[in-house]
Amino acid sequence: MAKRKVVWSHQARIKLIEILTYFADRNKSKLYSEKLYKRINNELKLLVKQPDLGIKTEIDSVRGLIIGDYILFYEITADKIIIHTLWDSKQNPQDLKIN
């Protein structure tokens, strides 16, 4: 079987940039943002090897991978892993929009 490609949705890219920028601004340093970005990428490498790693959600085709205080919502297709959004689990769950 061919390796699945990770594809970030526009919404997911925006969320990732917002989170990394927030910590860089708050901490007056990019160090934590770089560590968080590296951790997310390491988790994605595991996800490519084991796509069913995340927990099932209320949406049948979407799973959630917990990465520290964040949940990465994704969908598995035959050749892709589509990242729908990155969610800070400390936020109000009623504000969560996956698609």
PDB file of N, CA and C in Angstrom:
ATOM      1  N   MET A   1       0.841  -1.187   0.000  1.00  0.00           N
ATOM      2  CA  MET A   1       0.000   0.000   0.000  1.00  0.00           C
ATOM      3  C   MET A   1       0.881   1.244   0.000  1.00  0.00           C
ATOM      4  N   ALA A   2       0.526   2.215  -0.798  1.00  0.00           N
ATOM      5  CA  ALA A   2       1.279   3.461  -0.880  1.00  0.00           C
ATOM      6  C   ALA A   2       1.051   4.299   0.381  1.00  0.00           C
ATOM      7  N   LYS A   3       2.041   5.077   0.710  1.00  0.00           N
ATOM      8  CA  LYS A   3       1.966   5.947   1.877  1.00  0.00           C
ATOM      9  C   LYS A   3       0.957   7.067   1.626  1.00  0.00           C
ATOM     10  N   ARG A   4       0.112   7.333   2.620  1.00  0.00           N
ATOM     11  CA  ARG A   4      -0.866   8.410   2.484  1.00  0.00           C
ATOM     12  C   ARG A   4      -0.186   9.766   2.638  1.00  0.00           C
ATOM     13  N   LYS A   5      -0.680  10.732   1.898  1.00  0.00           N
ATOM     14  CA  LYS A   5      -0.162  12.095   1.946  1.00  0.00           C
ATOM     15  C   LYS A   5      -1.003  12.903   2.934  1.00  0.00           C
ATOM     16  N   VAL A   6      -0.351  13.712   3.758  1.00  0.00           N
ATOM     17  CA  VAL A   6      -1.050  14.584   4.695  1.00  0.00           C
ATOM     18  C   VAL A   6      -1.399  15.886   3.975  1.00  0.00           C
ATOM     19  N   VAL A   7      -2.687  16.238   4.022  1.00  0.00           N
ATOM     20  CA  VAL A   7      -3.169  17.450   3.366  1.00  0.00           C
ATOM     21  C   VAL A   7      -3.888  18.302   4.414  1.00  0.00           C
ATOM     22  N   TRP A   8      -3.407  19.535   4.576  1.00  0.00           N
ATOM     23  CA  TRP A   8      -4.017  20.461   5.531  1.00  0.00           C
ATOM     24  C   TRP A   8      -5.089  21.283   4.826  1.00  0.00           C
ATOM     25  N   SER A   9      -6.280  21.367   5.424  1.00  0.00           N
ATOM     26  CA  SER A   9      -7.321  22.251   4.902  1.00  0.00           C
ATOM     27  C   SER A   9      -6.915  23.693   5.182  1.00  0.00           C
ATOM     28  N   HIS A  10      -7.558  24.610   4.494  1.00  0.00           N
ATOM     29  CA  HIS A  10      -7.277  26.028   4.699  1.00  0.00           C
ATOM     30  C   HIS A  10      -7.532  26.418   6.155  1.00  0.00           C
ATOM     31  N   GLN A  11      -8.647  25.959   6.700  1.00  0.00           N
ATOM     32  CA  GLN A  11      -9.013  26.255   8.083  1.00  0.00           C
ATOM     33  C   GLN A  11      -7.953  25.720   9.055  1.00  0.00           C
ATOM     34  N   ALA A  12      -7.466  24.518   8.812  1.00  0.00           N
ATOM     35  CA  ALA A  12      -6.468  23.920   9.691  1.00  0.00           C
ATOM     36  C   ALA A  12      -5.151  24.702   9.647  1.00  0.00           C
ATOM     37  N   ARG A  13      -4.751  25.134   8.469  1.00  0.00           N
ATOM     38  CA  ARG A  13      -3.523  25.938   8.345  1.00  0.00           C
ATOM     39  C   ARG A  13      -3.640  27.242   9.127  1.00  0.00           C
ATOM     40  N   ILE A  14      -4.794  27.880   9.003  1.00  0.00           N
ATOM     41  CA  ILE A  14      -5.021  29.136   9.725  1.00  0.00           C
ATOM     42  C   ILE A  14      -4.940  28.905  11.227  1.00  0.00           C
ATOM     43  N   LYS A  15      -5.593  27.858  11.718  1.00  0.00           N
ATOM     44  CA  LYS A  15      -5.573  27.546  13.157  1.00  0.00           C
ATOM     45  C   LYS A  15      -4.149  27.294  13.645  1.00  0.00           C
ATOM     46  N   LEU A  16      -3.387  26.524  12.871  1.00  0.00           N
ATOM     47  CA  LEU A  16      -2.006  26.225  13.244  1.00  0.00           C
ATOM     48  C   LEU A  16      -1.196  27.512  13.349  1.00  0.00           C
ATOM     49  N   ILE A  17      -1.310  28.378  12.351  1.00  0.00           N
ATOM     50  CA  ILE A  17      -0.567  29.644  12.360  1.00  0.00           C
ATOM     51  C   ILE A  17      -1.011  30.524  13.537  1.00  0.00           C
ATOM     52  N   GLU A  18      -2.315  30.576  13.806  1.00  0.00           N
ATOM     53  CA  GLU A  18      -2.815  31.364  14.936  1.00  0.00           C
ATOM     54  C   GLU A  18      -2.222  30.878  16.260  1.00  0.00           C
ATOM     55  N   ILE A  19      -2.197  29.576  16.455  1.00  0.00           N
ATOM     56  CA  ILE A  19      -1.675  28.999  17.696  1.00  0.00           C
ATOM     57  C   ILE A  19      -0.181  29.285  17.844  1.00  0.00           C
ATOM     58  N   LEU A  20       0.570  29.040  16.784  1.00  0.00           N
ATOM     59  CA  LEU A  20       2.020  29.266  16.852  1.00  0.00           C
ATOM     60  C   LEU A  20       2.345  30.743  17.035  1.00  0.00           C
ATOM     61  N   THR A  21       1.613  31.616  16.368  1.00  0.00           N
ATOM     62  CA  THR A  21       1.825  33.058  16.507  1.00  0.00           C
ATOM     63  C   THR A  21       1.471  33.539  17.903  1.00  0.00           C
ATOM     64  N   TYR A  22       0.383  33.020  18.451  1.00  0.00           N
ATOM     65  CA  TYR A  22      -0.036  33.389  19.799  1.00  0.00           C
ATOM     66  C   TYR A  22       1.088  33.137  20.809  1.00  0.00           C
ATOM     67  N   PHE A  23       1.663  31.929  20.767  1.00  0.00           N
ATOM     68  CA  PHE A  23       2.714  31.611  21.734  1.00  0.00           C
ATOM     69  C   PHE A  23       3.997  32.392  21.479  1.00  0.00           C
ATOM     70  N   ALA A  24       4.322  32.644  20.230  1.00  0.00           N
ATOM     71  CA  ALA A  24       5.516  33.438  19.919  1.00  0.00           C
ATOM     72  C   ALA A  24       5.351  34.860  20.452  1.00  0.00           C
ATOM     73  N   ASP A  25       4.168  35.437  20.285  1.00  0.00           N
ATOM     74  CA  ASP A  25       3.906  36.792  20.782  1.00  0.00           C
ATOM     75  C   ASP A  25       3.850  36.833  22.306  1.00  0.00           C
ATOM     76  N   ARG A  26       3.146  35.885  22.883  1.00  0.00           N
ATOM     77  CA  ARG A  26       2.990  35.869  24.333  1.00  0.00           C
ATOM     78  C   ARG A  26       4.310  35.646  25.050  1.00  0.00           C
ATOM     79  N   ASN A  27       5.120  34.724  24.526  1.00  0.00           N
ATOM     80  CA  ASN A  27       6.380  34.371  25.178  1.00  0.00           C
ATOM     81  C   ASN A  27       7.549  35.254  24.745  1.00  0.00           C
ATOM     82  N   LYS A  28       7.313  36.114  23.752  1.00  0.00           N
ATOM     83  CA  LYS A  28       8.377  36.950  23.186  1.00  0.00           C
ATOM     84  C   LYS A  28       9.552  36.104  22.695  1.00  0.00           C
ATOM     85  N   SER A  29       9.225  34.899  22.261  1.00  0.00           N
ATOM     86  CA  SER A  29      10.221  33.950  21.756  1.00  0.00           C
ATOM     87  C   SER A  29       9.504  32.918  20.899  1.00  0.00           C
ATOM     88  N   LYS A  30      10.200  32.423  19.887  1.00  0.00           N
ATOM     89  CA  LYS A  30       9.626  31.394  19.020  1.00  0.00           C
ATOM     90  C   LYS A  30       9.940  29.972  19.506  1.00  0.00           C
ATOM     91  N   LEU A  31      10.681  29.842  20.587  1.00  0.00           N
ATOM     92  CA  LEU A  31      11.139  28.535  21.053  1.00  0.00           C
ATOM     93  C   LEU A  31       9.990  27.558  21.303  1.00  0.00           C
ATOM     94  N   TYR A  32       8.969  27.984  22.087  1.00  0.00           N
ATOM     95  CA  TYR A  32       7.858  27.081  22.377  1.00  0.00           C
ATOM     96  C   TYR A  32       7.081  26.750  21.104  1.00  0.00           C
ATOM     97  N   SER A  33       6.860  27.743  20.257  1.00  0.00           N
ATOM     98  CA  SER A  33       6.141  27.513  18.999  1.00  0.00           C
ATOM     99  C   SER A  33       6.867  26.491  18.134  1.00  0.00           C
ATOM    100  N   GLU A  34       8.193  26.588  18.093  1.00  0.00           N
ATOM    101  CA  GLU A  34       8.986  25.627  17.310  1.00  0.00           C
ATOM    102  C   GLU A  34       8.871  24.226  17.892  1.00  0.00           C
ATOM    103  N   LYS A  35       8.890  24.111  19.219  1.00  0.00           N
ATOM    104  CA  LYS A  35       8.742  22.799  19.866  1.00  0.00           C
ATOM    105  C   LYS A  35       7.357  22.210  19.603  1.00  0.00           C
ATOM    106  N   LEU A  36       6.335  23.050  19.688  1.00  0.00           N
ATOM    107  CA  LEU A  36       4.972  22.588  19.437  1.00  0.00           C
ATOM    108  C   LEU A  36       4.810  22.140  17.989  1.00  0.00           C
ATOM    109  N   TYR A  37       5.356  22.913  17.057  1.00  0.00           N
ATOM    110  CA  TYR A  37       5.292  22.567  15.636  1.00  0.00           C
ATOM    111  C   TYR A  37       6.000  21.232  15.369  1.00  0.00           C
ATOM    112  N   LYS A  38       7.133  21.043  16.002  1.00  0.00           N
ATOM    113  CA  LYS A  38       7.884  19.787  15.845  1.00  0.00           C
ATOM    114  C   LYS A  38       7.073  18.615  16.421  1.00  0.00           C
ATOM    115  N   ARG A  39       6.435  18.830  17.570  1.00  0.00           N
ATOM    116  CA  ARG A  39       5.633  17.764  18.180  1.00  0.00           C
ATOM    117  C   ARG A  39       4.456  17.384  17.281  1.00  0.00           C
ATOM    118  N   ILE A  40       3.802  18.383  16.710  1.00  0.00           N
ATOM    119  CA  ILE A  40       2.680  18.114  15.801  1.00  0.00           C
ATOM    120  C   ILE A  40       3.162  17.315  14.597  1.00  0.00           C
ATOM    121  N   ASN A  41       4.296  17.699  14.029  1.00  0.00           N
ATOM    122  CA  ASN A  41       4.837  16.968  12.874  1.00  0.00           C
ATOM    123  C   ASN A  41       5.233  15.544  13.233  1.00  0.00           C
ATOM    124  N   ASN A  42       5.787  15.337  14.415  1.00  0.00           N
ATOM    125  CA  ASN A  42       6.133  13.983  14.855  1.00  0.00           C
ATOM    126  C   ASN A  42       4.886  13.118  15.011  1.00  0.00           C
ATOM    127  N   GLU A  43       3.820  13.711  15.549  1.00  0.00           N
ATOM    128  CA  GLU A  43       2.555  12.977  15.690  1.00  0.00           C
ATOM    129  C   GLU A  43       1.967  12.650  14.317  1.00  0.00           C
ATOM    130  N   LEU A  44       2.126  13.561  13.368  1.00  0.00           N
ATOM    131  CA  LEU A  44       1.629  13.305  12.014  1.00  0.00           C
ATOM    132  C   LEU A  44       2.380  12.148  11.358  1.00  0.00           C
ATOM    133  N   LYS A  45       3.673  12.028  11.634  1.00  0.00           N
ATOM    134  CA  LYS A  45       4.444  10.898  11.102  1.00  0.00           C
ATOM    135  C   LYS A  45       3.897   9.581  11.638  1.00  0.00           C
ATOM    136  N   LEU A  46       3.528   9.560  12.915  1.00  0.00           N
ATOM    137  CA  LEU A  46       2.906   8.360  13.490  1.00  0.00           C
ATOM    138  C   LEU A  46       1.547   8.102  12.854  1.00  0.00           C
ATOM    139  N   LEU A  47       0.817   9.179  12.616  1.00  0.00           N
ATOM    140  CA  LEU A  47      -0.513   9.060  12.026  1.00  0.00           C
ATOM    141  C   LEU A  47      -0.461   8.479  10.616  1.00  0.00           C
ATOM    142  N   VAL A  48       0.560   8.837   9.862  1.00  0.00           N
ATOM    143  CA  VAL A  48       0.719   8.279   8.508  1.00  0.00           C
ATOM    144  C   VAL A  48       0.927   6.770   8.590  1.00  0.00           C
ATOM    145  N   LYS A  49       1.668   6.322   9.594  1.00  0.00           N
ATOM    146  CA  LYS A  49       1.924   4.887   9.766  1.00  0.00           C
ATOM    147  C   LYS A  49       0.717   4.153  10.325  1.00  0.00           C
ATOM    148  N   GLN A  50      -0.033   4.829  11.204  1.00  0.00           N
ATOM    149  CA  GLN A  50      -1.196   4.218  11.845  1.00  0.00           C
ATOM    150  C   GLN A  50      -2.383   5.187  11.797  1.00  0.00           C
ATOM    151  N   PRO A  51      -3.065   5.263  10.672  1.00  0.00           N
ATOM    152  CA  PRO A  51      -4.138   6.248  10.493  1.00  0.00           C
ATOM    153  C   PRO A  51      -5.301   6.132  11.484  1.00  0.00           C
ATOM    154  N   ASP A  52      -5.517   4.965  12.033  1.00  0.00           N
ATOM    155  CA  ASP A  52      -6.620   4.789  12.978  1.00  0.00           C
ATOM    156  C   ASP A  52      -6.228   5.143  14.408  1.00  0.00           C
ATOM    157  N   LEU A  53      -5.108   5.804  14.575  1.00  0.00           N
ATOM    158  CA  LEU A  53      -4.574   6.144  15.889  1.00  0.00           C
ATOM    159  C   LEU A  53      -5.509   7.054  16.678  1.00  0.00           C
ATOM    160  N   GLY A  54      -6.152   7.980  16.011  1.00  0.00           N
ATOM    161  CA  GLY A  54      -7.038   8.933  16.682  1.00  0.00           C
ATOM    162  C   GLY A  54      -8.332   8.296  17.145  1.00  0.00           C
ATOM    163  N   ILE A  55      -9.023   9.019  18.017  1.00  0.00           N
ATOM    164  CA  ILE A  55     -10.297   8.524  18.542  1.00  0.00           C
ATOM    165  C   ILE A  55     -11.435   8.879  17.587  1.00  0.00           C
ATOM    166  N   LYS A  56     -12.456   8.050  17.565  1.00  0.00           N
ATOM    167  CA  LYS A  56     -13.616   8.300  16.716  1.00  0.00           C
ATOM    168  C   LYS A  56     -14.388   9.506  17.253  1.00  0.00           C
ATOM    169  N   THR A  57     -15.019  10.239  16.340  1.00  0.00           N
ATOM    170  CA  THR A  57     -15.837  11.377  16.725  1.00  0.00           C
ATOM    171  C   THR A  57     -17.289  11.102  16.352  1.00  0.00           C
ATOM    172  N   GLU A  58     -18.133  12.092  16.593  1.00  0.00           N
ATOM    173  CA  GLU A  58     -19.546  11.950  16.242  1.00  0.00           C
ATOM    174  C   GLU A  58     -19.749  11.908  14.734  1.00  0.00           C
ATOM    175  N   ILE A  59     -18.785  12.430  13.981  1.00  0.00           N
ATOM    176  CA  ILE A  59     -18.838  12.376  12.520  1.00  0.00           C
ATOM    177  C   ILE A  59     -18.113  11.095  12.101  1.00  0.00           C
ATOM    178  N   ASP A  60     -18.806  10.205  11.425  1.00  0.00           N
ATOM    179  CA  ASP A  60     -18.279   8.872  11.123  1.00  0.00           C
ATOM    180  C   ASP A  60     -16.895   8.869  10.484  1.00  0.00           C
ATOM    181  N   SER A  61     -16.640   9.733   9.544  1.00  0.00           N
ATOM    182  CA  SER A  61     -15.385   9.690   8.798  1.00  0.00           C
ATOM    183  C   SER A  61     -14.254  10.494   9.445  1.00  0.00           C
ATOM    184  N   VAL A  62     -14.546  11.169  10.557  1.00  0.00           N
ATOM    185  CA  VAL A  62     -13.551  12.043  11.187  1.00  0.00           C
ATOM    186  C   VAL A  62     -13.078  11.458  12.512  1.00  0.00           C
ATOM    187  N   ARG A  63     -11.766  11.542  12.726  1.00  0.00           N
ATOM    188  CA  ARG A  63     -11.154  11.083  13.963  1.00  0.00           C
ATOM    189  C   ARG A  63     -10.417  12.253  14.605  1.00  0.00           C
ATOM    190  N   GLY A  64     -10.105  12.135  15.879  1.00  0.00           N
ATOM    191  CA  GLY A  64      -9.384  13.186  16.591  1.00  0.00           C
ATOM    192  C   GLY A  64      -8.128  12.637  17.239  1.00  0.00           C
ATOM    193  N   LEU A  65      -7.007  13.261  16.968  1.00  0.00           N
ATOM    194  CA  LEU A  65      -5.730  12.865  17.559  1.00  0.00           C
ATOM    195  C   LEU A  65      -5.357  13.885  18.618  1.00  0.00           C
ATOM    196  N   ILE A  66      -5.220  13.453  19.857  1.00  0.00           N
ATOM    197  CA  ILE A  66      -4.888  14.342  20.961  1.00  0.00           C
ATOM    198  C   ILE A  66      -3.377  14.572  20.971  1.00  0.00           C
ATOM    199  N   ILE A  67      -3.012  15.857  20.931  1.00  0.00           N
ATOM    200  CA  ILE A  67      -1.606  16.261  20.977  1.00  0.00           C
ATOM    201  C   ILE A  67      -1.499  17.316  22.073  1.00  0.00           C
ATOM    202  N   GLY A  68      -1.167  16.904  23.269  1.00  0.00           N
ATOM    203  CA  GLY A  68      -1.102  17.835  24.395  1.00  0.00           C
ATOM    204  C   GLY A  68      -2.466  18.441  24.663  1.00  0.00           C
ATOM    205  N   ASP A  69      -2.540  19.777  24.605  1.00  0.00           N
ATOM    206  CA  ASP A  69      -3.795  20.490  24.843  1.00  0.00           C
ATOM    207  C   ASP A  69      -4.627  20.650  23.575  1.00  0.00           C
ATOM    208  N   TYR A  70      -4.223  20.009  22.505  1.00  0.00           N
ATOM    209  CA  TYR A  70      -4.869  20.198  21.202  1.00  0.00           C
ATOM    210  C   TYR A  70      -5.431  18.887  20.672  1.00  0.00           C
ATOM    211  N   ILE A  71      -6.441  19.023  19.828  1.00  0.00           N
ATOM    212  CA  ILE A  71      -7.000  17.865  19.138  1.00  0.00           C
ATOM    213  C   ILE A  71      -6.925  18.168  17.645  1.00  0.00           C
ATOM    214  N   LEU A  72      -6.293  17.273  16.928  1.00  0.00           N
ATOM    215  CA  LEU A  72      -6.156  17.394  15.485  1.00  0.00           C
ATOM    216  C   LEU A  72      -7.265  16.538  14.867  1.00  0.00           C
ATOM    217  N   PHE A  73      -8.233  17.182  14.222  1.00  0.00           N
ATOM    218  CA  PHE A  73      -9.341  16.457  13.604  1.00  0.00           C
ATOM    219  C   PHE A  73      -8.985  16.158  12.158  1.00  0.00           C
ATOM    220  N   TYR A  74      -9.105  14.900  11.779  1.00  0.00           N
ATOM    221  CA  TYR A  74      -8.677  14.473  10.445  1.00  0.00           C
ATOM    222  C   TYR A  74      -9.600  13.403   9.883  1.00  0.00           C
ATOM    223  N   GLU A  75      -9.471  13.217   8.578  1.00  0.00           N
ATOM    224  CA  GLU A  75     -10.251  12.218   7.852  1.00  0.00           C
ATOM    225  C   GLU A  75      -9.291  11.380   7.014  1.00  0.00           C
ATOM    226  N   ILE A  76      -9.546  10.096   6.945  1.00  0.00           N
ATOM    227  CA  ILE A  76      -8.693   9.180   6.189  1.00  0.00           C
ATOM    228  C   ILE A  76      -9.378   8.837   4.868  1.00  0.00           C
ATOM    229  N   THR A  77      -8.637   8.967   3.768  1.00  0.00           N
ATOM    230  CA  THR A  77      -9.115   8.493   2.470  1.00  0.00           C
ATOM    231  C   THR A  77      -8.109   7.441   1.993  1.00  0.00           C
ATOM    232  N   ALA A  78      -8.326   6.905   0.827  1.00  0.00           N
ATOM    233  CA  ALA A  78      -7.443   5.859   0.308  1.00  0.00           C
ATOM    234  C   ALA A  78      -6.002   6.332   0.151  1.00  0.00           C
ATOM    235  N   ASP A  79      -5.823   7.600  -0.230  1.00  0.00           N
ATOM    236  CA  ASP A  79      -4.462   8.080  -0.482  1.00  0.00           C
ATOM    237  C   ASP A  79      -4.066   9.318   0.313  1.00  0.00           C
ATOM    238  N   LYS A  80      -4.978   9.824   1.184  1.00  0.00           N
ATOM    239  CA  LYS A  80      -4.696  11.051   1.927  1.00  0.00           C
ATOM    240  C   LYS A  80      -5.159  10.960   3.373  1.00  0.00           C
ATOM    241  N   ILE A  81      -4.542  11.787   4.190  1.00  0.00           N
ATOM    242  CA  ILE A  81      -5.038  12.091   5.525  1.00  0.00           C
ATOM    243  C   ILE A  81      -5.322  13.586   5.489  1.00  0.00           C
ATOM    244  N   ILE A  82      -6.590  13.940   5.565  1.00  0.00           N
ATOM    245  CA  ILE A  82      -6.996  15.336   5.454  1.00  0.00           C
ATOM    246  C   ILE A  82      -7.162  15.917   6.856  1.00  0.00           C
ATOM    247  N   ILE A  83      -6.356  16.933   7.161  1.00  0.00           N
ATOM    248  CA  ILE A  83      -6.444  17.608   8.455  1.00  0.00           C
ATOM    249  C   ILE A  83      -7.511  18.689   8.318  1.00  0.00           C
ATOM    250  N   HIS A  84      -8.597  18.546   9.074  1.00  0.00           N
ATOM    251  CA  HIS A  84      -9.700  19.501   8.983  1.00  0.00           C
ATOM    252  C   HIS A  84      -9.486  20.712   9.878  1.00  0.00           C
ATOM    253  N   THR A  85      -9.030  20.475  11.106  1.00  0.00           N
ATOM    254  CA  THR A  85      -8.775  21.593  12.012  1.00  0.00           C
ATOM    255  C   THR A  85      -7.910  21.142  13.181  1.00  0.00           C
ATOM    256  N   LEU A  86      -7.320  22.110  13.831  1.00  0.00           N
ATOM    257  CA  LEU A  86      -6.543  21.901  15.053  1.00  0.00           C
ATOM    258  C   LEU A  86      -7.277  22.676  16.132  1.00  0.00           C
ATOM    259  N   TRP A  87      -7.683  21.996  17.185  1.00  0.00           N
ATOM    260  CA  TRP A  87      -8.568  22.589  18.179  1.00  0.00           C
ATOM    261  C   TRP A  87      -7.888  22.646  19.542  1.00  0.00           C
ATOM    262  N   ASP A  88      -7.906  23.814  20.170  1.00  0.00           N
ATOM    263  CA  ASP A  88      -7.415  23.968  21.540  1.00  0.00           C
ATOM    264  C   ASP A  88      -8.505  23.430  22.458  1.00  0.00           C
ATOM    265  N   SER A  89      -8.218  22.382  23.197  1.00  0.00           N
ATOM    266  CA  SER A  89      -9.245  21.711  24.002  1.00  0.00           C
ATOM    267  C   SER A  89      -9.723  22.545  25.183  1.00  0.00           C
ATOM    268  N   LYS A  90      -9.076  23.692  25.437  1.00  0.00           N
ATOM    269  CA  LYS A  90      -9.521  24.572  26.518  1.00  0.00           C
ATOM    270  C   LYS A  90     -10.614  25.540  26.046  1.00  0.00           C
ATOM    271  N   GLN A  91     -10.928  25.530  24.756  1.00  0.00           N
ATOM    272  CA  GLN A  91     -11.960  26.404  24.221  1.00  0.00           C
ATOM    273  C   GLN A  91     -13.333  25.783  24.401  1.00  0.00           C
ATOM    274  N   ASN A  92     -14.351  26.594  24.199  1.00  0.00           N
ATOM    275  CA  ASN A  92     -15.730  26.150  24.304  1.00  0.00           C
ATOM    276  C   ASN A  92     -16.027  25.164  23.172  1.00  0.00           C
ATOM    277  N   PRO A  93     -16.402  23.927  23.476  1.00  0.00           N
ATOM    278  CA  PRO A  93     -16.656  22.936  22.432  1.00  0.00           C
ATOM    279  C   PRO A  93     -17.804  23.310  21.501  1.00  0.00           C
ATOM    280  N   GLN A  94     -18.684  24.184  21.928  1.00  0.00           N
ATOM    281  CA  GLN A  94     -19.797  24.592  21.069  1.00  0.00           C
ATOM    282  C   GLN A  94     -19.306  25.456  19.906  1.00  0.00           C
ATOM    283  N   ASP A  95     -18.093  26.008  20.014  1.00  0.00           N
ATOM    284  CA  ASP A  95     -17.527  26.830  18.942  1.00  0.00           C
ATOM    285  C   ASP A  95     -16.788  26.006  17.893  1.00  0.00           C
ATOM    286  N   LEU A  96     -16.651  24.707  18.119  1.00  0.00           N
ATOM    287  CA  LEU A  96     -15.902  23.839  17.213  1.00  0.00           C
ATOM    288  C   LEU A  96     -16.645  23.615  15.905  1.00  0.00           C
ATOM    289  N   LYS A  97     -15.935  23.876  14.800  1.00  0.00           N
ATOM    290  CA  LYS A  97     -16.468  23.619  13.449  1.00  0.00           C
ATOM    291  C   LYS A  97     -15.426  22.776  12.723  1.00  0.00           C
ATOM    292  N   ILE A  98     -15.773  21.554  12.402  1.00  0.00           N
ATOM    293  CA  ILE A  98     -14.808  20.647  11.765  1.00  0.00           C
ATOM    294  C   ILE A  98     -14.798  20.815  10.266  1.00  0.00           C
ATOM    295  N   ASN A  99     -15.917  20.903   9.615  1.00  0.00           N
ATOM    296  CA  ASN A  99     -15.948  21.034   8.148  1.00  0.00           C
ATOM    297  C   ASN A  99     -16.260  22.450   7.732  1.00  0.00           C
TER     298      ASN A  99
END
